[in-house]
Each structure stands twice: as C-alpha cells, then as structure tokens.
Amino acid sequence: MSLENFILKSQYENVGDICLKVREICKSRDLDITATNHIEIALTEALNNVIEHSYKEDPEQIIFVTVEDLDDKMTFKIIDTGSSREDLKPRELKINPDDIESLPESGMGLFIIEQIMDETNYYTEGDKNVFTLIKKIEPSVSNGE
C-alpha cells in the first residue's frame, strides 16, 4: 500500500500538475492505459468542479488530494472547504445522440465521473467536503513464465 498527499491552490492550471503526478503513480504500477485515462479524466473533472463550484474560482483556496494505492483498487479523496454540493443524486443524461444540440451545457462532469469510476462517494463533515473516487484494479495475469 502507498499513500500520497497533494495540496494545490484552486487554480485551473494546477490541475494538470496533479494529474501528471497521478499518471506517474499509475505508470509505476503498470496500470493499463484505459484505467489510467479514466482516473485522469475523473480527477480533472472533480478538481475543476471544486474550483468552479465549491470555491467560485477563488484562486487562493486550497484543495487536498489523497491517493491511496492498494493491491485491488486506487482511492482518490478530494477535500475542500468551499460550498458543498446540494444535489447528491446520481446524474442522468437525457440526450438524443442524433442531435448535438441536445447536449447539456453543464452537469456532464459528474455523470462522466460516475460512469468511468467504479465507486464515488460525496459527503460533508464539519467544514470539509470530501469526494471519494475509487477505481478497482484487476490483478496482473501471469503468463506462466
């Protein structure tokens, strides 16, 4: 098991730095590219949501990210002290795939996160909002050599 903690100011340009560090963690454990991409997309969406919605783009606020790497899963906790999410229901998108105009202007980020991660959980405890993302990791298959 390994545990990594990151702290970033709530600025969009800092999101890429955290994602690169997480990508390196995924690479070091030989995680497949699809799982790695899913993790990076979900983390990017979640951090951008904190910056935009929780902190209202105040660049001086702090976001804490914890990455716990276990044998069978990776857990990402995103913690902030801004405005909490009010709507905790799972997202549903009702779109017509033949009509690009039917795509919603917002709200797709959480839908995407819920689709590509294995588990998500959001709660507020005291003045902290905690968004947990979990990606299950398939065990390596030995080729018998």
C-alpha atoms as a PDB file:
ATOM      1  CA  MET A   1       0.000   0.000   0.000  1.00  0.00           C
ATOM      2  CA  SER A   2       1.164   3.501  -0.698  1.00  0.00           C
ATOM      3  CA  LEU A   3      -0.322   6.835   0.258  1.00  0.00           C
ATOM      4  CA  GLU A   4       0.405  10.146  -1.459  1.00  0.00           C
ATOM      5  CA  ASN A   5      -0.885  13.546  -0.370  1.00  0.00           C
ATOM      6  CA  PHE A   6      -1.032  16.606  -2.575  1.00  0.00           C
ATOM      7  CA  ILE A   7      -2.017  20.184  -1.836  1.00  0.00           C
ATOM      8  CA  LEU A   8      -2.891  22.659  -4.564  1.00  0.00           C
ATOM      9  CA  LYS A   9      -4.282  26.149  -4.826  1.00  0.00           C
ATOM     10  CA  SER A  10      -7.640  26.298  -6.560  1.00  0.00           C
ATOM     11  CA  GLN A  11      -6.361  27.372  -9.948  1.00  0.00           C
ATOM     12  CA  TYR A  12      -7.152  25.502 -13.149  1.00  0.00           C
ATOM     13  CA  GLU A  13      -3.505  25.474 -14.214  1.00  0.00           C
ATOM     14  CA  ASN A  14      -2.623  23.397 -11.106  1.00  0.00           C
ATOM     15  CA  VAL A  15      -4.976  20.553 -12.053  1.00  0.00           C
ATOM     16  CA  GLY A  16      -2.685  19.320 -14.816  1.00  0.00           C
ATOM     17  CA  ASP A  17       0.266  19.073 -12.410  1.00  0.00           C
ATOM     18  CA  ILE A  18      -1.663  16.808 -10.037  1.00  0.00           C
ATOM     19  CA  CYS A  19      -2.918  14.677 -12.926  1.00  0.00           C
ATOM     20  CA  LEU A  20       0.651  14.223 -14.203  1.00  0.00           C
ATOM     21  CA  LYS A  21       1.757  13.057 -10.762  1.00  0.00           C
ATOM     22  CA  VAL A  22      -1.151  10.616 -10.568  1.00  0.00           C
ATOM     23  CA  ARG A  23      -0.376   9.382 -14.083  1.00  0.00           C
ATOM     24  CA  GLU A  24       3.171   8.608 -12.877  1.00  0.00           C
ATOM     25  CA  ILE A  25       1.751   6.641  -9.932  1.00  0.00           C
ATOM     26  CA  CYS A  26      -0.409   4.652 -12.380  1.00  0.00           C
ATOM     27  CA  LYS A  27       2.562   4.091 -14.676  1.00  0.00           C
ATOM     28  CA  SER A  28       4.762   2.896 -11.797  1.00  0.00           C
ATOM     29  CA  ARG A  29       2.309   0.104 -11.055  1.00  0.00           C
ATOM     30  CA  ASP A  30       1.848  -0.798 -14.737  1.00  0.00           C
ATOM     31  CA  LEU A  31      -1.807   0.159 -14.769  1.00  0.00           C
ATOM     32  CA  ASP A  32      -3.407  -0.279 -18.175  1.00  0.00           C
ATOM     33  CA  ILE A  33      -3.890   2.830 -20.297  1.00  0.00           C
ATOM     34  CA  THR A  34      -7.699   2.726 -20.159  1.00  0.00           C
ATOM     35  CA  ALA A  35      -7.800   2.720 -16.355  1.00  0.00           C
ATOM     36  CA  THR A  36      -5.119   5.413 -16.243  1.00  0.00           C
ATOM     37  CA  ASN A  37      -7.077   7.607 -18.657  1.00  0.00           C
ATOM     38  CA  HIS A  38     -10.301   7.084 -16.697  1.00  0.00           C
ATOM     39  CA  ILE A  39      -8.572   8.132 -13.494  1.00  0.00           C
ATOM     40  CA  GLU A  40      -7.083  11.229 -15.115  1.00  0.00           C
ATOM     41  CA  ILE A  41     -10.402  12.294 -16.669  1.00  0.00           C
ATOM     42  CA  ALA A  42     -12.303  11.790 -13.407  1.00  0.00           C
ATOM     43  CA  LEU A  43      -9.692  13.615 -11.353  1.00  0.00           C
ATOM     44  CA  THR A  44      -9.609  16.515 -13.801  1.00  0.00           C
ATOM     45  CA  GLU A  45     -13.407  16.834 -13.766  1.00  0.00           C
ATOM     46  CA  ALA A  46     -13.610  16.584  -9.969  1.00  0.00           C
ATOM     47  CA  LEU A  47     -10.871  19.165  -9.346  1.00  0.00           C
ATOM     48  CA  ASN A  48     -12.301  21.557 -11.923  1.00  0.00           C
ATOM     49  CA  ASN A  49     -15.708  21.225 -10.231  1.00  0.00           C
ATOM     50  CA  VAL A  50     -14.195  22.163  -6.867  1.00  0.00           C
ATOM     51  CA  ILE A  51     -12.526  25.221  -8.384  1.00  0.00           C
ATOM     52  CA  GLU A  52     -15.629  26.345 -10.280  1.00  0.00           C
ATOM     53  CA  HIS A  53     -18.497  25.417  -7.985  1.00  0.00           C
ATOM     54  CA  SER A  54     -17.152  24.974  -4.471  1.00  0.00           C
ATOM     55  CA  TYR A  55     -14.622  27.809  -4.475  1.00  0.00           C
ATOM     56  CA  LYS A  56     -16.312  30.007  -7.119  1.00  0.00           C
ATOM     57  CA  GLU A  57     -12.924  30.336  -8.866  1.00  0.00           C
ATOM     58  CA  ASP A  58     -11.224  31.965  -5.848  1.00  0.00           C
ATOM     59  CA  PRO A  59      -7.566  31.217  -6.705  1.00  0.00           C
ATOM     60  CA  GLU A  60      -6.361  31.442  -3.106  1.00  0.00           C
ATOM     61  CA  GLN A  61      -8.311  28.471  -1.743  1.00  0.00           C
ATOM     62  CA  ILE A  62      -6.697  25.096  -1.046  1.00  0.00           C
ATOM     63  CA  ILE A  63      -7.637  21.628  -2.306  1.00  0.00           C
ATOM     64  CA  PHE A  64      -6.248  18.482  -0.694  1.00  0.00           C
ATOM     65  CA  VAL A  65      -5.893  15.294  -2.732  1.00  0.00           C
ATOM     66  CA  THR A  66      -5.042  11.916  -1.210  1.00  0.00           C
ATOM     67  CA  VAL A  67      -4.139   8.935  -3.379  1.00  0.00           C
ATOM     68  CA  GLU A  68      -4.260   5.539  -1.712  1.00  0.00           C
ATOM     69  CA  ASP A  69      -2.857   2.736  -3.833  1.00  0.00           C
ATOM     70  CA  LEU A  70      -3.894  -0.738  -2.700  1.00  0.00           C
ATOM     71  CA  ASP A  71      -3.478  -4.079  -4.472  1.00  0.00           C
ATOM     72  CA  ASP A  72      -7.064  -4.213  -5.720  1.00  0.00           C
ATOM     73  CA  LYS A  73      -8.022  -0.533  -6.012  1.00  0.00           C
ATOM     74  CA  MET A  74      -6.900   3.059  -6.084  1.00  0.00           C
ATOM     75  CA  THR A  75      -8.779   5.574  -3.947  1.00  0.00           C
ATOM     76  CA  PHE A  76      -8.693   9.316  -4.524  1.00  0.00           C
ATOM     77  CA  LYS A  77     -10.031  11.720  -1.901  1.00  0.00           C
ATOM     78  CA  ILE A  78     -10.572  15.328  -2.877  1.00  0.00           C
ATOM     79  CA  ILE A  79     -11.139  17.579   0.118  1.00  0.00           C
ATOM     80  CA  ASP A  80     -12.147  21.232   0.071  1.00  0.00           C
ATOM     81  CA  THR A  81     -13.700  23.752   2.457  1.00  0.00           C
ATOM     82  CA  GLY A  82     -15.871  25.645  -0.015  1.00  0.00           C
ATOM     83  CA  SER A  83     -19.584  25.467  -0.777  1.00  0.00           C
ATOM     84  CA  SER A  84     -20.934  21.933  -0.555  1.00  0.00           C
ATOM     85  CA  ARG A  85     -22.835  20.116  -3.296  1.00  0.00           C
ATOM     86  CA  GLU A  86     -26.561  20.322  -2.825  1.00  0.00           C
ATOM     87  CA  ASP A  87     -27.718  17.698  -5.299  1.00  0.00           C
ATOM     88  CA  LEU A  88     -26.285  14.311  -4.346  1.00  0.00           C
ATOM     89  CA  LYS A  89     -28.458  12.147  -6.614  1.00  0.00           C
ATOM     90  CA  PRO A  90     -26.702  10.188  -9.350  1.00  0.00           C
ATOM     91  CA  ARG A  91     -26.732  12.079 -12.619  1.00  0.00           C
ATOM     92  CA  GLU A  92     -28.887  11.128 -15.566  1.00  0.00           C
ATOM     93  CA  LEU A  93     -28.349  12.498 -19.010  1.00  0.00           C
ATOM     94  CA  LYS A  94     -31.255  12.518 -21.377  1.00  0.00           C
ATOM     95  CA  ILE A  95     -29.886  13.326 -24.774  1.00  0.00           C
ATOM     96  CA  ASN A  96     -30.668  12.494 -28.339  1.00  0.00           C
ATOM     97  CA  PRO A  97     -27.440  11.086 -29.842  1.00  0.00           C
ATOM     98  CA  ASP A  98     -28.563  12.273 -33.266  1.00  0.00           C
ATOM     99  CA  ASP A  99     -28.952  15.869 -32.062  1.00  0.00           C
ATOM    100  CA  ILE A 100     -25.771  17.520 -30.816  1.00  0.00           C
ATOM    101  CA  GLU A 101     -27.854  20.486 -29.679  1.00  0.00           C
ATOM    102  CA  SER A 102     -29.432  18.243 -27.018  1.00  0.00           C
ATOM    103  CA  LEU A 103     -26.128  18.051 -25.091  1.00  0.00           C
ATOM    104  CA  PRO A 104     -26.451  19.934 -21.800  1.00  0.00           C
ATOM    105  CA  GLU A 105     -24.291  22.985 -21.121  1.00  0.00           C
ATOM    106  CA  SER A 106     -23.267  21.706 -17.690  1.00  0.00           C
ATOM    107  CA  GLY A 107     -23.626  18.733 -15.361  1.00  0.00           C
ATOM    108  CA  MET A 108     -21.840  16.274 -17.617  1.00  0.00           C
ATOM    109  CA  GLY A 109     -18.685  16.136 -15.496  1.00  0.00           C
ATOM    110  CA  LEU A 110     -20.282  14.302 -12.589  1.00  0.00           C
ATOM    111  CA  PHE A 111     -22.090  11.992 -14.993  1.00  0.00           C
ATOM    112  CA  ILE A 112     -18.789  11.120 -16.672  1.00  0.00           C
ATOM    113  CA  ILE A 113     -17.057  10.551 -13.317  1.00  0.00           C
ATOM    114  CA  GLU A 114     -19.820   8.196 -12.194  1.00  0.00           C
ATOM    115  CA  GLN A 115     -19.606   6.262 -15.462  1.00  0.00           C
ATOM    116  CA  ILE A 116     -15.846   5.700 -15.571  1.00  0.00           C
ATOM    117  CA  MET A 117     -15.046   5.172 -11.892  1.00  0.00           C
ATOM    118  CA  ASP A 118     -16.162   2.074 -10.013  1.00  0.00           C
ATOM    119  CA  GLU A 119     -17.405   3.919  -6.938  1.00  0.00           C
ATOM    120  CA  THR A 120     -17.957   7.515  -5.902  1.00  0.00           C
ATOM    121  CA  ASN A 121     -18.974   8.973  -2.586  1.00  0.00           C
ATOM    122  CA  TYR A 122     -19.544  12.574  -1.514  1.00  0.00           C
ATOM    123  CA  TYR A 123     -20.174  13.866   1.966  1.00  0.00           C
ATOM    124  CA  THR A 124     -19.662  16.956   4.098  1.00  0.00           C
ATOM    125  CA  GLU A 125     -18.086  16.628   7.521  1.00  0.00           C
ATOM    126  CA  GLY A 126     -17.835  19.824   9.529  1.00  0.00           C
ATOM    127  CA  ASP A 127     -16.479  22.434   7.134  1.00  0.00           C
ATOM    128  CA  LYS A 128     -14.923  19.870   4.774  1.00  0.00           C
ATOM    129  CA  ASN A 129     -16.384  18.436   1.587  1.00  0.00           C
ATOM    130  CA  VAL A 130     -14.968  15.015   0.736  1.00  0.00           C
ATOM    131  CA  PHE A 131     -15.378  13.474  -2.719  1.00  0.00           C
ATOM    132  CA  THR A 132     -14.016   9.931  -2.960  1.00  0.00           C
ATOM    133  CA  LEU A 133     -13.335   8.237  -6.295  1.00  0.00           C
ATOM    134  CA  ILE A 134     -12.443   4.550  -6.451  1.00  0.00           C
ATOM    135  CA  LYS A 135     -11.017   2.620  -9.381  1.00  0.00           C
ATOM    136  CA  LYS A 136     -10.813  -1.147  -8.963  1.00  0.00           C
ATOM    137  CA  ILE A 137      -7.620  -2.663 -10.293  1.00  0.00           C
ATOM    138  CA  GLU A 138      -7.602  -6.031 -11.981  1.00  0.00           C
ATOM    139  CA  PRO A 139      -4.808  -8.288 -10.736  1.00  0.00           C
ATOM    140  CA  SER A 140      -1.940  -8.875 -13.121  1.00  0.00           C
ATOM    141  CA  VAL A 141      -2.293 -12.093 -15.055  1.00  0.00           C
ATOM    142  CA  SER A 142       0.835 -14.212 -15.148  1.00  0.00           C
ATOM    143  CA  ASN A 143       1.675 -15.781 -18.489  1.00  0.00           C
ATOM    144  CA  GLY A 144       3.239 -18.827 -16.820  1.00  0.00           C
ATOM    145  CA  GLU A 145       6.852 -17.883 -17.483  1.00  0.00           C
END
